[in-house]
């Protein structure tokens, strides 16, 4: 299940052009890249960054895991260097299946 605060949902729409509630399908991207955001994690909570495609746009998503839920914090269009990282990973993961 996905969660978010309504305040963050509205703020994300205003700042980045889409609601957090609309981008949950990014987690269905088979090439989604996730890693721990050590700089913003704490002893009580790990934060994660994800890069994945939503409607043909690479998004940068920040989230936490709370029990069995994914709690969305923010999402924005990926910066050019983040988009390159995503597509490099995508190419490597699709090329590895070839003979």
PDB file of N, CA and C in Angstrom:
ATOM      1  N   UNK A   1       0.842  -1.182   0.000  1.00  0.00           N
ATOM      2  CA  UNK A   1       0.000   0.000   0.000  1.00  0.00           C
ATOM      3  C   UNK A   1       0.886   1.243   0.000  1.00  0.00           C
ATOM      4  N   UNK A   2       0.394   2.298  -0.575  1.00  0.00           N
ATOM      5  CA  UNK A   2       1.124   3.552  -0.652  1.00  0.00           C
ATOM      6  C   UNK A   2       0.431   4.600   0.204  1.00  0.00           C
ATOM      7  N   UNK A   3       1.247   5.412   0.864  1.00  0.00           N
ATOM      8  CA  UNK A   3       0.717   6.494   1.683  1.00  0.00           C
ATOM      9  C   UNK A   3       1.478   7.778   1.376  1.00  0.00           C
ATOM     10  N   UNK A   4       0.900   8.894   1.774  1.00  0.00           N
ATOM     11  CA  UNK A   4       1.499  10.219   1.648  1.00  0.00           C
ATOM     12  C   UNK A   4       0.654  11.139   2.494  1.00  0.00           C
ATOM     13  N   UNK A   5       1.198  12.288   2.824  1.00  0.00           N
ATOM     14  CA  UNK A   5       0.373  13.285   3.515  1.00  0.00           C
ATOM     15  C   UNK A   5      -0.296  14.142   2.445  1.00  0.00           C
ATOM     16  N   UNK A   6      -1.511  14.549   2.714  1.00  0.00           N
ATOM     17  CA  UNK A   6      -2.230  15.354   1.728  1.00  0.00           C
ATOM     18  C   UNK A   6      -1.532  16.690   1.491  1.00  0.00           C
ATOM     19  N   UNK A   7      -0.912  17.234   2.533  1.00  0.00           N
ATOM     20  CA  UNK A   7      -0.168  18.488   2.374  1.00  0.00           C
ATOM     21  C   UNK A   7       0.968  18.310   1.360  1.00  0.00           C
ATOM     22  N   UNK A   8       1.738  17.220   1.496  1.00  0.00           N
ATOM     23  CA  UNK A   8       2.837  16.946   0.558  1.00  0.00           C
ATOM     24  C   UNK A   8       2.300  16.643  -0.837  1.00  0.00           C
ATOM     25  N   UNK A   9       1.167  15.971  -0.910  1.00  0.00           N
ATOM     26  CA  UNK A   9       0.552  15.661  -2.192  1.00  0.00           C
ATOM     27  C   UNK A   9       0.232  16.946  -2.956  1.00  0.00           C
ATOM     28  N   UNK A  10      -0.388  17.897  -2.265  1.00  0.00           N
ATOM     29  CA  UNK A  10      -0.738  19.177  -2.889  1.00  0.00           C
ATOM     30  C   UNK A  10       0.520  19.991  -3.233  1.00  0.00           C
ATOM     31  N   UNK A  11       1.478  19.999  -2.323  1.00  0.00           N
ATOM     32  CA  UNK A  11       2.720  20.741  -2.553  1.00  0.00           C
ATOM     33  C   UNK A  11       3.493  20.170  -3.735  1.00  0.00           C
ATOM     34  N   UNK A  12       3.514  18.855  -3.864  1.00  0.00           N
ATOM     35  CA  UNK A  12       4.220  18.229  -4.974  1.00  0.00           C
ATOM     36  C   UNK A  12       3.576  18.615  -6.307  1.00  0.00           C
ATOM     37  N   UNK A  13       2.246  18.669  -6.346  1.00  0.00           N
ATOM     38  CA  UNK A  13       1.550  19.094  -7.564  1.00  0.00           C
ATOM     39  C   UNK A  13       1.938  20.519  -7.916  1.00  0.00           C
ATOM     40  N   UNK A  14       1.980  21.387  -6.920  1.00  0.00           N
ATOM     41  CA  UNK A  14       2.304  22.794  -7.145  1.00  0.00           C
ATOM     42  C   UNK A  14       3.753  22.969  -7.603  1.00  0.00           C
ATOM     43  N   UNK A  15       4.686  22.265  -6.957  1.00  0.00           N
ATOM     44  CA  UNK A  15       6.114  22.433  -7.265  1.00  0.00           C
ATOM     45  C   UNK A  15       6.576  21.649  -8.485  1.00  0.00           C
ATOM     46  N   UNK A  16       6.023  20.441  -8.683  1.00  0.00           N
ATOM     47  CA  UNK A  16       6.574  19.542  -9.694  1.00  0.00           C
ATOM     48  C   UNK A  16       5.580  19.115 -10.769  1.00  0.00           C
ATOM     49  N   UNK A  17       4.310  19.504 -10.628  1.00  0.00           N
ATOM     50  CA  UNK A  17       3.363  19.283 -11.698  1.00  0.00           C
ATOM     51  C   UNK A  17       2.548  18.007 -11.645  1.00  0.00           C
ATOM     52  N   UNK A  18       2.713  17.198 -10.623  1.00  0.00           N
ATOM     53  CA  UNK A  18       1.891  15.994 -10.506  1.00  0.00           C
ATOM     54  C   UNK A  18       1.721  15.614  -9.047  1.00  0.00           C
ATOM     55  N   UNK A  19       0.627  14.914  -8.785  1.00  0.00           N
ATOM     56  CA  UNK A  19       0.322  14.462  -7.432  1.00  0.00           C
ATOM     57  C   UNK A  19       1.106  13.189  -7.113  1.00  0.00           C
ATOM     58  N   UNK A  20       1.512  13.049  -5.863  1.00  0.00           N
ATOM     59  CA  UNK A  20       2.134  11.801  -5.407  1.00  0.00           C
ATOM     60  C   UNK A  20       1.171  10.640  -5.619  1.00  0.00           C
ATOM     61  N   UNK A  21      -0.091  10.909  -5.402  1.00  0.00           N
ATOM     62  CA  UNK A  21      -1.105   9.859  -5.552  1.00  0.00           C
ATOM     63  C   UNK A  21      -1.197   9.326  -6.976  1.00  0.00           C
ATOM     64  N   UNK A  22      -0.706  10.065  -7.947  1.00  0.00           N
ATOM     65  CA  UNK A  22      -0.769   9.637  -9.347  1.00  0.00           C
ATOM     66  C   UNK A  22       0.448   8.834  -9.805  1.00  0.00           C
ATOM     67  N   UNK A  23       1.535   8.850  -9.047  1.00  0.00           N
ATOM     68  CA  UNK A  23       2.781   8.264  -9.558  1.00  0.00           C
ATOM     69  C   UNK A  23       3.124   6.907  -8.950  1.00  0.00           C
ATOM     70  N   UNK A  24       2.218   6.321  -8.226  1.00  0.00           N
ATOM     71  CA  UNK A  24       2.542   5.050  -7.563  1.00  0.00           C
ATOM     72  C   UNK A  24       2.900   3.945  -8.553  1.00  0.00           C
ATOM     73  N   UNK A  25       2.449   4.057  -9.798  1.00  0.00           N
ATOM     74  CA  UNK A  25       2.782   3.045 -10.806  1.00  0.00           C
ATOM     75  C   UNK A  25       4.273   2.983 -11.109  1.00  0.00           C
ATOM     76  N   UNK A  26       5.025   3.982 -10.700  1.00  0.00           N
ATOM     77  CA  UNK A  26       6.473   3.949 -10.916  1.00  0.00           C
ATOM     78  C   UNK A  26       7.085   2.706 -10.258  1.00  0.00           C
ATOM     79  N   UNK A  27       6.453   2.230  -9.205  1.00  0.00           N
ATOM     80  CA  UNK A  27       6.977   1.061  -8.497  1.00  0.00           C
ATOM     81  C   UNK A  27       6.711  -0.242  -9.256  1.00  0.00           C
ATOM     82  N   UNK A  28       5.946  -0.169 -10.335  1.00  0.00           N
ATOM     83  CA  UNK A  28       5.748  -1.319 -11.220  1.00  0.00           C
ATOM     84  C   UNK A  28       6.810  -1.384 -12.315  1.00  0.00           C
ATOM     85  N   UNK A  29       7.633  -0.345 -12.426  1.00  0.00           N
ATOM     86  CA  UNK A  29       8.691  -0.316 -13.440  1.00  0.00           C
ATOM     87  C   UNK A  29       9.693  -1.427 -13.126  1.00  0.00           C
ATOM     88  N   UNK A  30       9.861  -2.403 -14.016  1.00  0.00           N
ATOM     89  CA  UNK A  30      10.786  -3.509 -13.736  1.00  0.00           C
ATOM     90  C   UNK A  30      12.247  -3.063 -13.677  1.00  0.00           C
ATOM     91  N   UNK A  31      12.530  -1.854 -14.139  1.00  0.00           N
ATOM     92  CA  UNK A  31      13.903  -1.342 -14.125  1.00  0.00           C
ATOM     93  C   UNK A  31      14.092  -0.242 -13.076  1.00  0.00           C
ATOM     94  N   UNK A  32      13.150  -0.133 -12.155  1.00  0.00           N
ATOM     95  CA  UNK A  32      13.254   0.847 -11.078  1.00  0.00           C
ATOM     96  C   UNK A  32      14.567   0.651 -10.329  1.00  0.00           C
ATOM     97  N   UNK A  33      15.281   1.730 -10.115  1.00  0.00           N
ATOM     98  CA  UNK A  33      16.516   1.703  -9.337  1.00  0.00           C
ATOM     99  C   UNK A  33      16.198   2.306  -7.973  1.00  0.00           C
ATOM    100  N   UNK A  34      16.609   1.633  -6.911  1.00  0.00           N
ATOM    101  CA  UNK A  34      16.383   2.134  -5.548  1.00  0.00           C
ATOM    102  C   UNK A  34      17.684   2.076  -4.775  1.00  0.00           C
ATOM    103  N   UNK A  35      17.924   3.073  -3.932  1.00  0.00           N
ATOM    104  CA  UNK A  35      19.061   3.028  -3.017  1.00  0.00           C
ATOM    105  C   UNK A  35      18.737   3.845  -1.778  1.00  0.00           C
ATOM    106  N   UNK A  36      19.463   3.552  -0.706  1.00  0.00           N
ATOM    107  CA  UNK A  36      19.265   4.263   0.561  1.00  0.00           C
ATOM    108  C   UNK A  36      19.834   5.671   0.432  1.00  0.00           C
ATOM    109  N   UNK A  37      19.079   6.637   0.870  1.00  0.00           N
ATOM    110  CA  UNK A  37      19.516   8.037   0.924  1.00  0.00           C
ATOM    111  C   UNK A  37      20.144   8.258   2.295  1.00  0.00           C
ATOM    112  N   UNK A  38      21.396   7.865   2.413  1.00  0.00           N
ATOM    113  CA  UNK A  38      22.085   7.920   3.710  1.00  0.00           C
ATOM    114  C   UNK A  38      22.140   9.335   4.274  1.00  0.00           C
ATOM    115  N   UNK A  39      22.231  10.325   3.415  1.00  0.00           N
ATOM    116  CA  UNK A  39      22.334  11.712   3.875  1.00  0.00           C
ATOM    117  C   UNK A  39      21.062  12.190   4.570  1.00  0.00           C
ATOM    118  N   UNK A  40      19.915  11.600   4.245  1.00  0.00           N
ATOM    119  CA  UNK A  40      18.657  12.043   4.831  1.00  0.00           C
ATOM    120  C   UNK A  40      17.976  10.981   5.691  1.00  0.00           C
ATOM    121  N   UNK A  41      18.658   9.876   5.901  1.00  0.00           N
ATOM    122  CA  UNK A  41      18.132   8.831   6.782  1.00  0.00           C
ATOM    123  C   UNK A  41      18.515   9.144   8.221  1.00  0.00           C
ATOM    124  N   UNK A  42      17.831   8.492   9.151  1.00  0.00           N
ATOM    125  CA  UNK A  42      18.148   8.666  10.571  1.00  0.00           C
ATOM    126  C   UNK A  42      18.191   7.293  11.220  1.00  0.00           C
ATOM    127  N   UNK A  43      18.484   7.261  12.509  1.00  0.00           N
ATOM    128  CA  UNK A  43      18.480   5.991  13.225  1.00  0.00           C
ATOM    129  C   UNK A  43      17.086   5.369  13.245  1.00  0.00           C
ATOM    130  N   UNK A  44      16.066   6.213  13.183  1.00  0.00           N
ATOM    131  CA  UNK A  44      14.682   5.736  13.269  1.00  0.00           C
ATOM    132  C   UNK A  44      14.043   5.448  11.912  1.00  0.00           C
ATOM    133  N   UNK A  45      14.646   5.972  10.837  1.00  0.00           N
ATOM    134  CA  UNK A  45      13.986   5.857   9.538  1.00  0.00           C
ATOM    135  C   UNK A  45      15.002   5.903   8.404  1.00  0.00           C
ATOM    136  N   UNK A  46      14.943   4.899   7.543  1.00  0.00           N
ATOM    137  CA  UNK A  46      15.723   4.927   6.312  1.00  0.00           C
ATOM    138  C   UNK A  46      14.894   5.606   5.243  1.00  0.00           C
ATOM    139  N   UNK A  47      15.537   6.518   4.520  1.00  0.00           N
ATOM    140  CA  UNK A  47      14.901   7.114   3.354  1.00  0.00           C
ATOM    141  C   UNK A  47      15.523   6.497   2.124  1.00  0.00           C
ATOM    142  N   UNK A  48      14.722   6.374   1.092  1.00  0.00           N
ATOM    143  CA  UNK A  48      15.175   5.773  -0.156  1.00  0.00           C
ATOM    144  C   UNK A  48      14.939   6.728  -1.313  1.00  0.00           C
ATOM    145  N   UNK A  49      15.769   6.576  -2.319  1.00  0.00           N
ATOM    146  CA  UNK A  49      15.601   7.288  -3.576  1.00  0.00           C
ATOM    147  C   UNK A  49      15.306   6.242  -4.637  1.00  0.00           C
ATOM    148  N   UNK A  50      14.398   6.563  -5.522  1.00  0.00           N
ATOM    149  CA  UNK A  50      14.096   5.684  -6.637  1.00  0.00           C
ATOM    150  C   UNK A  50      14.112   6.458  -7.935  1.00  0.00           C
ATOM    151  N   UNK A  51      14.574   5.805  -8.989  1.00  0.00           N
ATOM    152  CA  UNK A  51      14.488   6.345 -10.344  1.00  0.00           C
ATOM    153  C   UNK A  51      13.698   5.353 -11.169  1.00  0.00           C
ATOM    154  N   UNK A  52      12.638   5.821 -11.789  1.00  0.00           N
ATOM    155  CA  UNK A  52      11.817   4.950 -12.609  1.00  0.00           C
ATOM    156  C   UNK A  52      11.003   5.760 -13.593  1.00  0.00           C
ATOM    157  N   UNK A  53      10.363   5.060 -14.518  1.00  0.00           N
ATOM    158  CA  UNK A  53       9.597   5.722 -15.573  1.00  0.00           C
ATOM    159  C   UNK A  53       8.115   5.763 -15.220  1.00  0.00           C
ATOM    160  N   UNK A  54       7.545   6.931 -15.435  1.00  0.00           N
ATOM    161  CA  UNK A  54       6.117   7.163 -15.258  1.00  0.00           C
ATOM    162  C   UNK A  54       5.637   7.940 -16.480  1.00  0.00           C
ATOM    163  N   UNK A  55       4.778   7.342 -17.282  1.00  0.00           N
ATOM    164  CA  UNK A  55       4.278   7.973 -18.507  1.00  0.00           C
ATOM    165  C   UNK A  55       5.420   8.526 -19.372  1.00  0.00           C
ATOM    166  N   UNK A  56       6.413   7.695 -19.624  1.00  0.00           N
ATOM    167  CA  UNK A  56       7.555   8.020 -20.494  1.00  0.00           C
ATOM    168  C   UNK A  56       8.469   9.115 -19.943  1.00  0.00           C
ATOM    169  N   UNK A  57       8.371   9.417 -18.664  1.00  0.00           N
ATOM    170  CA  UNK A  57       9.237  10.407 -18.028  1.00  0.00           C
ATOM    171  C   UNK A  57       9.952   9.732 -16.869  1.00  0.00           C
ATOM    172  N   UNK A  58      11.282   9.920 -16.785  1.00  0.00           N
ATOM    173  CA  UNK A  58      12.030   9.371 -15.654  1.00  0.00           C
ATOM    174  C   UNK A  58      11.808  10.285 -14.458  1.00  0.00           C
ATOM    175  N   UNK A  59      11.360   9.689 -13.355  1.00  0.00           N
ATOM    176  CA  UNK A  59      11.112  10.436 -12.125  1.00  0.00           C
ATOM    177  C   UNK A  59      12.123  10.068 -11.049  1.00  0.00           C
ATOM    178  N   UNK A  60      12.404  11.021 -10.200  1.00  0.00           N
ATOM    179  CA  UNK A  60      13.222  10.883  -8.997  1.00  0.00           C
ATOM    180  C   UNK A  60      12.237  10.913  -7.839  1.00  0.00           C
ATOM    181  N   UNK A  61      12.163   9.829  -7.079  1.00  0.00           N
ATOM    182  CA  UNK A  61      11.169   9.686  -6.012  1.00  0.00           C
ATOM    183  C   UNK A  61      11.883   9.451  -4.687  1.00  0.00           C
ATOM    184  N   UNK A  62      11.426  10.125  -3.644  1.00  0.00           N
ATOM    185  CA  UNK A  62      11.940   9.923  -2.291  1.00  0.00           C
ATOM    186  C   UNK A  62      10.820   9.294  -1.473  1.00  0.00           C
ATOM    187  N   UNK A  63      11.173   8.223  -0.726  1.00  0.00           N
ATOM    188  CA  UNK A  63      10.156   7.508   0.034  1.00  0.00           C
ATOM    189  C   UNK A  63      10.778   6.805   1.228  1.00  0.00           C
ATOM    190  N   UNK A  64       9.923   6.363   2.119  1.00  0.00           N
ATOM    191  CA  UNK A  64      10.322   5.543   3.258  1.00  0.00           C
ATOM    192  C   UNK A  64       9.450   4.286   3.241  1.00  0.00           C
ATOM    193  N   UNK A  65       9.869   3.315   4.011  1.00  0.00           N
ATOM    194  CA  UNK A  65       9.045   2.127   4.204  1.00  0.00           C
ATOM    195  C   UNK A  65       8.557   2.155   5.644  1.00  0.00           C
ATOM    196  N   UNK A  66       7.259   2.115   5.822  1.00  0.00           N
ATOM    197  CA  UNK A  66       6.649   2.138   7.149  1.00  0.00           C
ATOM    198  C   UNK A  66       5.786   0.901   7.281  1.00  0.00           C
ATOM    199  N   UNK A  67       6.305  -0.064   8.050  1.00  0.00           N
ATOM    200  CA  UNK A  67       5.676  -1.378   8.174  1.00  0.00           C
ATOM    201  C   UNK A  67       5.551  -1.974   6.781  1.00  0.00           C
ATOM    202  N   UNK A  68       4.345  -2.221   6.295  1.00  0.00           N
ATOM    203  CA  UNK A  68       4.166  -2.808   4.967  1.00  0.00           C
ATOM    204  C   UNK A  68       3.849  -1.769   3.894  1.00  0.00           C
ATOM    205  N   UNK A  69       3.931  -0.494   4.241  1.00  0.00           N
ATOM    206  CA  UNK A  69       3.568   0.583   3.316  1.00  0.00           C
ATOM    207  C   UNK A  69       4.797   1.292   2.768  1.00  0.00           C
ATOM    208  N   UNK A  70       4.641   1.836   1.586  1.00  0.00           N
ATOM    209  CA  UNK A  70       5.632   2.753   1.024  1.00  0.00           C
ATOM    210  C   UNK A  70       5.041   4.145   1.188  1.00  0.00           C
ATOM    211  N   UNK A  71       5.761   4.984   1.938  1.00  0.00           N
ATOM    212  CA  UNK A  71       5.307   6.342   2.212  1.00  0.00           C
ATOM    213  C   UNK A  71       6.057   7.295   1.290  1.00  0.00           C
ATOM    214  N   UNK A  72       5.335   7.925   0.363  1.00  0.00           N
ATOM    215  CA  UNK A  72       5.935   8.848  -0.595  1.00  0.00           C
ATOM    216  C   UNK A  72       6.146  10.210   0.044  1.00  0.00           C
ATOM    217  N   UNK A  73       7.341  10.757  -0.169  1.00  0.00           N
ATOM    218  CA  UNK A  73       7.684  12.061   0.399  1.00  0.00           C
ATOM    219  C   UNK A  73       7.679  13.133  -0.676  1.00  0.00           C
ATOM    220  N   UNK A  74       8.336  12.859  -1.802  1.00  0.00           N
ATOM    221  CA  UNK A  74       8.353  13.806  -2.915  1.00  0.00           C
ATOM    222  C   UNK A  74       8.708  13.060  -4.191  1.00  0.00           C
ATOM    223  N   UNK A  75       8.352  13.660  -5.302  1.00  0.00           N
ATOM    224  CA  UNK A  75       8.699  13.109  -6.611  1.00  0.00           C
ATOM    225  C   UNK A  75       8.814  14.272  -7.588  1.00  0.00           C
ATOM    226  N   UNK A  76       9.806  14.164  -8.444  1.00  0.00           N
ATOM    227  CA  UNK A  76      10.030  15.211  -9.439  1.00  0.00           C
ATOM    228  C   UNK A  76      10.602  14.568 -10.691  1.00  0.00           C
ATOM    229  N   UNK A  77      10.605  15.326 -11.765  1.00  0.00           N
ATOM    230  CA  UNK A  77      11.238  14.856 -12.981  1.00  0.00           C
ATOM    231  C   UNK A  77      12.742  14.748 -12.723  1.00  0.00           C
ATOM    232  N   UNK A  78      13.346  13.679 -13.204  1.00  0.00           N
ATOM    233  CA  UNK A  78      14.774  13.455 -12.980  1.00  0.00           C
ATOM    234  C   UNK A  78      15.607  14.524 -13.681  1.00  0.00           C
ATOM    235  N   UNK A  79      16.709  14.886 -13.036  1.00  0.00           N
ATOM    236  CA  UNK A  79      17.700  15.770 -13.657  1.00  0.00           C
ATOM    237  C   UNK A  79      18.393  14.990 -14.779  1.00  0.00           C
ATOM    238  N   UNK A  80      19.006  15.675 -15.740  1.00  0.00           N
ATOM    239  CA  UNK A  80      19.655  14.963 -16.853  1.00  0.00           C
ATOM    240  C   UNK A  80      20.642  13.879 -16.415  1.00  0.00           C
ATOM    241  N   UNK A  81      21.456  14.148 -15.397  1.00  0.00           N
ATOM    242  CA  UNK A  81      22.424  13.130 -14.960  1.00  0.00           C
ATOM    243  C   UNK A  81      21.720  11.930 -14.311  1.00  0.00           C
ATOM    244  N   UNK A  82      20.580  12.158 -13.661  1.00  0.00           N
ATOM    245  CA  UNK A  82      19.804  11.060 -13.065  1.00  0.00           C
ATOM    246  C   UNK A  82      19.130  10.228 -14.161  1.00  0.00           C
ATOM    247  N   UNK A  83      18.650  10.912 -15.178  1.00  0.00           N
ATOM    248  CA  UNK A  83      18.027  10.213 -16.306  1.00  0.00           C
ATOM    249  C   UNK A  83      19.058   9.334 -17.024  1.00  0.00           C
ATOM    250  N   UNK A  84      20.272   9.862 -17.207  1.00  0.00           N
ATOM    251  CA  UNK A  84      21.348   9.056 -17.820  1.00  0.00           C
ATOM    252  C   UNK A  84      21.635   7.818 -16.987  1.00  0.00           C
ATOM    253  N   UNK A  85      21.689   7.975 -15.662  1.00  0.00           N
ATOM    254  CA  UNK A  85      21.924   6.840 -14.770  1.00  0.00           C
ATOM    255  C   UNK A  85      20.847   5.779 -14.960  1.00  0.00           C
ATOM    256  N   UNK A  86      19.595   6.211 -15.020  1.00  0.00           N
ATOM    257  CA  UNK A  86      18.495   5.269 -15.200  1.00  0.00           C
ATOM    258  C   UNK A  86      18.663   4.505 -16.512  1.00  0.00           C
ATOM    259  N   UNK A  87      18.919   5.218 -17.607  1.00  0.00           N
ATOM    260  CA  UNK A  87      18.994   4.543 -18.912  1.00  0.00           C
ATOM    261  C   UNK A  87      20.253   3.696 -19.054  1.00  0.00           C
ATOM    262  N   UNK A  88      21.336   4.057 -18.390  1.00  0.00           N
ATOM    263  CA  UNK A  88      22.520   3.184 -18.363  1.00  0.00           C
ATOM    264  C   UNK A  88      22.174   1.875 -17.670  1.00  0.00           C
ATOM    265  N   UNK A  89      21.518   1.963 -16.545  1.00  0.00           N
ATOM    266  CA  UNK A  89      21.086   0.758 -15.816  1.00  0.00           C
ATOM    267  C   UNK A  89      20.114  -0.054 -16.676  1.00  0.00           C
ATOM    268  N   UNK A  90      19.175   0.630 -17.311  1.00  0.00           N
ATOM    269  CA  UNK A  90      18.189  -0.033 -18.160  1.00  0.00           C
ATOM    270  C   UNK A  90      18.892  -0.810 -19.280  1.00  0.00           C
ATOM    271  N   UNK A  91      19.832  -0.165 -19.970  1.00  0.00           N
ATOM    272  CA  UNK A  91      20.558  -0.832 -21.065  1.00  0.00           C
ATOM    273  C   UNK A  91      21.328  -2.039 -20.554  1.00  0.00           C
ATOM    274  N   UNK A  92      22.009  -1.885 -19.439  1.00  0.00           N
ATOM    275  CA  UNK A  92      22.780  -3.006 -18.887  1.00  0.00           C
ATOM    276  C   UNK A  92      21.865  -4.160 -18.498  1.00  0.00           C
ATOM    277  N   UNK A  93      20.724  -3.842 -17.909  1.00  0.00           N
ATOM    278  CA  UNK A  93      19.837  -4.926 -17.455  1.00  0.00           C
ATOM    279  C   UNK A  93      19.172  -5.616 -18.635  1.00  0.00           C
ATOM    280  N   UNK A  94      18.908  -4.925 -19.719  1.00  0.00           N
ATOM    281  CA  UNK A  94      18.291  -5.573 -20.886  1.00  0.00           C
ATOM    282  C   UNK A  94      19.337  -6.274 -21.738  1.00  0.00           C
ATOM    283  N   UNK A  95      20.579  -5.771 -21.769  1.00  0.00           N
ATOM    284  CA  UNK A  95      21.650  -6.421 -22.522  1.00  0.00           C
ATOM    285  C   UNK A  95      22.116  -7.707 -21.863  1.00  0.00           C
ATOM    286  N   UNK A  96      21.998  -7.803 -20.556  1.00  0.00           N
ATOM    287  CA  UNK A  96      22.497  -8.989 -19.843  1.00  0.00           C
ATOM    288  C   UNK A  96      21.712 -10.250 -20.195  1.00  0.00           C
ATOM    289  N   UNK A  97      20.510 -10.090 -20.728  1.00  0.00           N
ATOM    290  CA  UNK A  97      19.699 -11.240 -21.101  1.00  0.00           C
ATOM    291  C   UNK A  97      19.985 -11.763 -22.497  1.00  0.00           C
ATOM    292  N   UNK A  98      20.863 -11.069 -23.226  1.00  0.00           N
ATOM    293  CA  UNK A  98      21.167 -11.461 -24.602  1.00  0.00           C
ATOM    294  C   UNK A  98      22.328 -12.439 -24.639  1.00  0.00           C
ATOM    295  N   UNK A  99      22.344 -13.268 -25.667  1.00  0.00           N
ATOM    296  CA  UNK A  99      23.453 -14.208 -25.851  1.00  0.00           C
ATOM    297  C   UNK A  99      24.588 -13.571 -26.604  1.00  0.00           C
TER     298      UNK A  99
END
